[in-house]
């Protein structure tokens, strides 16, 4: 565990000083640990962020605004009371890996 912490600290120090990524990968791999370091490319991690491949955003549209007076906003709101038969508001869902894997 200590070796892993030292490797992580080494990586962080090199990143903070703008070290050459290829040099860092070679350095880590020369330590002959139980794993191999490699380069991470934007194309590798974008899908993990949940981005749709080939997605192109639409042209900016005009912003929609609404006039809401203070009396339209309630002091408090509890969706469990508003919709007592809705079961999904009582669940806590695991979104730990929400993106595409």
C-alpha atoms as a PDB file:
ATOM      1  CA  UNK A   1       0.000   0.000   0.000  1.00  0.00           C
ATOM      2  CA  UNK A   2       2.851   2.362   0.822  1.00  0.00           C
ATOM      3  CA  UNK A   3       4.397   1.769  -2.604  1.00  0.00           C
ATOM      4  CA  UNK A   4       1.102   2.679  -4.280  1.00  0.00           C
ATOM      5  CA  UNK A   5       0.868   5.877  -2.247  1.00  0.00           C
ATOM      6  CA  UNK A   6       4.439   6.790  -3.172  1.00  0.00           C
ATOM      7  CA  UNK A   7       3.727   6.127  -6.853  1.00  0.00           C
ATOM      8  CA  UNK A   8       0.604   8.298  -6.696  1.00  0.00           C
ATOM      9  CA  UNK A   9       2.537  11.086  -4.972  1.00  0.00           C
ATOM     10  CA  UNK A  10       5.265  10.845  -7.610  1.00  0.00           C
ATOM     11  CA  UNK A  11       2.678  11.126 -10.356  1.00  0.00           C
ATOM     12  CA  UNK A  12       1.054  14.134  -8.698  1.00  0.00           C
ATOM     13  CA  UNK A  13       4.395  15.911  -8.268  1.00  0.00           C
ATOM     14  CA  UNK A  14       5.289  15.318 -11.910  1.00  0.00           C
ATOM     15  CA  UNK A  15       1.884  16.545 -13.059  1.00  0.00           C
ATOM     16  CA  UNK A  16       2.199  19.660 -10.924  1.00  0.00           C
ATOM     17  CA  UNK A  17       5.527  20.466 -12.565  1.00  0.00           C
ATOM     18  CA  UNK A  18       4.272  19.799 -16.099  1.00  0.00           C
ATOM     19  CA  UNK A  19       6.401  16.703 -16.678  1.00  0.00           C
ATOM     20  CA  UNK A  20       6.352  15.031 -20.066  1.00  0.00           C
ATOM     21  CA  UNK A  21       3.595  12.397 -19.978  1.00  0.00           C
ATOM     22  CA  UNK A  22       5.542   9.830 -21.987  1.00  0.00           C
ATOM     23  CA  UNK A  23       8.529  10.217 -19.656  1.00  0.00           C
ATOM     24  CA  UNK A  24       6.216   9.700 -16.678  1.00  0.00           C
ATOM     25  CA  UNK A  25       4.675   6.554 -18.211  1.00  0.00           C
ATOM     26  CA  UNK A  26       8.147   5.135 -18.886  1.00  0.00           C
ATOM     27  CA  UNK A  27       9.287   6.001 -15.366  1.00  0.00           C
ATOM     28  CA  UNK A  28       6.302   4.285 -13.751  1.00  0.00           C
ATOM     29  CA  UNK A  29       6.594   1.210 -15.963  1.00  0.00           C
ATOM     30  CA  UNK A  30      10.319   0.938 -15.160  1.00  0.00           C
ATOM     31  CA  UNK A  31       9.384   0.576 -11.485  1.00  0.00           C
ATOM     32  CA  UNK A  32       8.062  -2.879 -12.469  1.00  0.00           C
ATOM     33  CA  UNK A  33       4.975  -2.722 -10.293  1.00  0.00           C
ATOM     34  CA  UNK A  34       1.973  -5.044 -10.649  1.00  0.00           C
ATOM     35  CA  UNK A  35       0.344  -2.751 -13.241  1.00  0.00           C
ATOM     36  CA  UNK A  36       1.365  -0.865 -16.362  1.00  0.00           C
ATOM     37  CA  UNK A  37       0.848   2.848 -16.884  1.00  0.00           C
ATOM     38  CA  UNK A  38      -0.348   4.163 -20.224  1.00  0.00           C
ATOM     39  CA  UNK A  39      -1.479   7.334 -21.933  1.00  0.00           C
ATOM     40  CA  UNK A  40      -5.054   8.497 -21.519  1.00  0.00           C
ATOM     41  CA  UNK A  41      -6.483  10.157 -24.573  1.00  0.00           C
ATOM     42  CA  UNK A  42      -9.562  12.359 -24.778  1.00  0.00           C
ATOM     43  CA  UNK A  43     -11.246   9.774 -27.012  1.00  0.00           C
ATOM     44  CA  UNK A  44     -10.777   7.186 -24.236  1.00  0.00           C
ATOM     45  CA  UNK A  45     -12.402   9.072 -21.402  1.00  0.00           C
ATOM     46  CA  UNK A  46     -15.100  11.139 -23.133  1.00  0.00           C
ATOM     47  CA  UNK A  47     -17.506   8.152 -23.321  1.00  0.00           C
ATOM     48  CA  UNK A  48     -16.981   7.520 -19.609  1.00  0.00           C
ATOM     49  CA  UNK A  49     -18.227  11.059 -18.976  1.00  0.00           C
ATOM     50  CA  UNK A  50     -21.525  10.133 -20.598  1.00  0.00           C
ATOM     51  CA  UNK A  51     -20.941  12.112 -23.776  1.00  0.00           C
ATOM     52  CA  UNK A  52     -22.708  10.903 -26.900  1.00  0.00           C
ATOM     53  CA  UNK A  53     -20.252  10.062 -29.711  1.00  0.00           C
ATOM     54  CA  UNK A  54     -20.569  12.483 -32.605  1.00  0.00           C
ATOM     55  CA  UNK A  55     -22.852  14.839 -30.659  1.00  0.00           C
ATOM     56  CA  UNK A  56     -22.875  18.367 -31.997  1.00  0.00           C
ATOM     57  CA  UNK A  57     -24.660  20.982 -29.885  1.00  0.00           C
ATOM     58  CA  UNK A  58     -27.475  22.886 -31.497  1.00  0.00           C
ATOM     59  CA  UNK A  59     -27.054  26.519 -32.408  1.00  0.00           C
ATOM     60  CA  UNK A  60     -27.621  28.756 -29.390  1.00  0.00           C
ATOM     61  CA  UNK A  61     -31.276  29.587 -28.997  1.00  0.00           C
ATOM     62  CA  UNK A  62     -32.852  32.522 -27.284  1.00  0.00           C
ATOM     63  CA  UNK A  63     -33.179  32.128 -23.551  1.00  0.00           C
ATOM     64  CA  UNK A  64     -36.666  31.500 -22.205  1.00  0.00           C
ATOM     65  CA  UNK A  65     -37.548  33.523 -19.130  1.00  0.00           C
ATOM     66  CA  UNK A  66     -40.601  33.443 -16.895  1.00  0.00           C
ATOM     67  CA  UNK A  67     -42.118  36.110 -14.701  1.00  0.00           C
ATOM     68  CA  UNK A  68     -42.656  34.597 -11.269  1.00  0.00           C
ATOM     69  CA  UNK A  69     -43.919  36.708  -8.436  1.00  0.00           C
ATOM     70  CA  UNK A  70     -42.978  35.981  -4.825  1.00  0.00           C
ATOM     71  CA  UNK A  71     -46.513  34.876  -3.952  1.00  0.00           C
ATOM     72  CA  UNK A  72     -46.313  32.100  -6.591  1.00  0.00           C
ATOM     73  CA  UNK A  73     -43.469  30.406  -4.706  1.00  0.00           C
ATOM     74  CA  UNK A  74     -44.590  28.391  -1.631  1.00  0.00           C
ATOM     75  CA  UNK A  75     -42.807  28.670   1.711  1.00  0.00           C
ATOM     76  CA  UNK A  76     -42.100  24.937   1.608  1.00  0.00           C
ATOM     77  CA  UNK A  77     -42.710  22.049  -0.742  1.00  0.00           C
ATOM     78  CA  UNK A  78     -42.591  18.323  -0.024  1.00  0.00           C
ATOM     79  CA  UNK A  79     -43.063  16.111  -3.093  1.00  0.00           C
ATOM     80  CA  UNK A  80     -43.933  13.157  -0.811  1.00  0.00           C
ATOM     81  CA  UNK A  81     -47.030  15.064   0.325  1.00  0.00           C
ATOM     82  CA  UNK A  82     -47.826  16.441  -3.122  1.00  0.00           C
ATOM     83  CA  UNK A  83     -47.586  13.007  -4.799  1.00  0.00           C
ATOM     84  CA  UNK A  84     -47.961  10.365  -2.028  1.00  0.00           C
ATOM     85  CA  UNK A  85     -48.384   7.478  -4.496  1.00  0.00           C
ATOM     86  CA  UNK A  86     -45.116   8.168  -6.292  1.00  0.00           C
ATOM     87  CA  UNK A  87     -42.616   5.542  -5.145  1.00  0.00           C
ATOM     88  CA  UNK A  88     -39.510   6.919  -6.890  1.00  0.00           C
ATOM     89  CA  UNK A  89     -39.103   9.894  -4.567  1.00  0.00           C
ATOM     90  CA  UNK A  90     -38.577   7.461  -1.676  1.00  0.00           C
ATOM     91  CA  UNK A  91     -35.664   5.691  -3.410  1.00  0.00           C
ATOM     92  CA  UNK A  92     -32.025   6.673  -3.279  1.00  0.00           C
ATOM     93  CA  UNK A  93     -30.523   5.490  -6.545  1.00  0.00           C
ATOM     94  CA  UNK A  94     -26.908   4.511  -7.043  1.00  0.00           C
ATOM     95  CA  UNK A  95     -25.497   6.819  -9.708  1.00  0.00           C
ATOM     96  CA  UNK A  96     -21.879   5.915  -9.044  1.00  0.00           C
ATOM     97  CA  UNK A  97     -21.282   4.862 -12.625  1.00  0.00           C
ATOM     98  CA  UNK A  98     -23.838   7.025 -14.359  1.00  0.00           C
ATOM     99  CA  UNK A  99     -21.834   7.498 -17.547  1.00  0.00           C
ATOM    100  CA  UNK A 100     -21.411   5.057 -20.379  1.00  0.00           C
ATOM    101  CA  UNK A 101     -18.816   2.443 -19.505  1.00  0.00           C
END
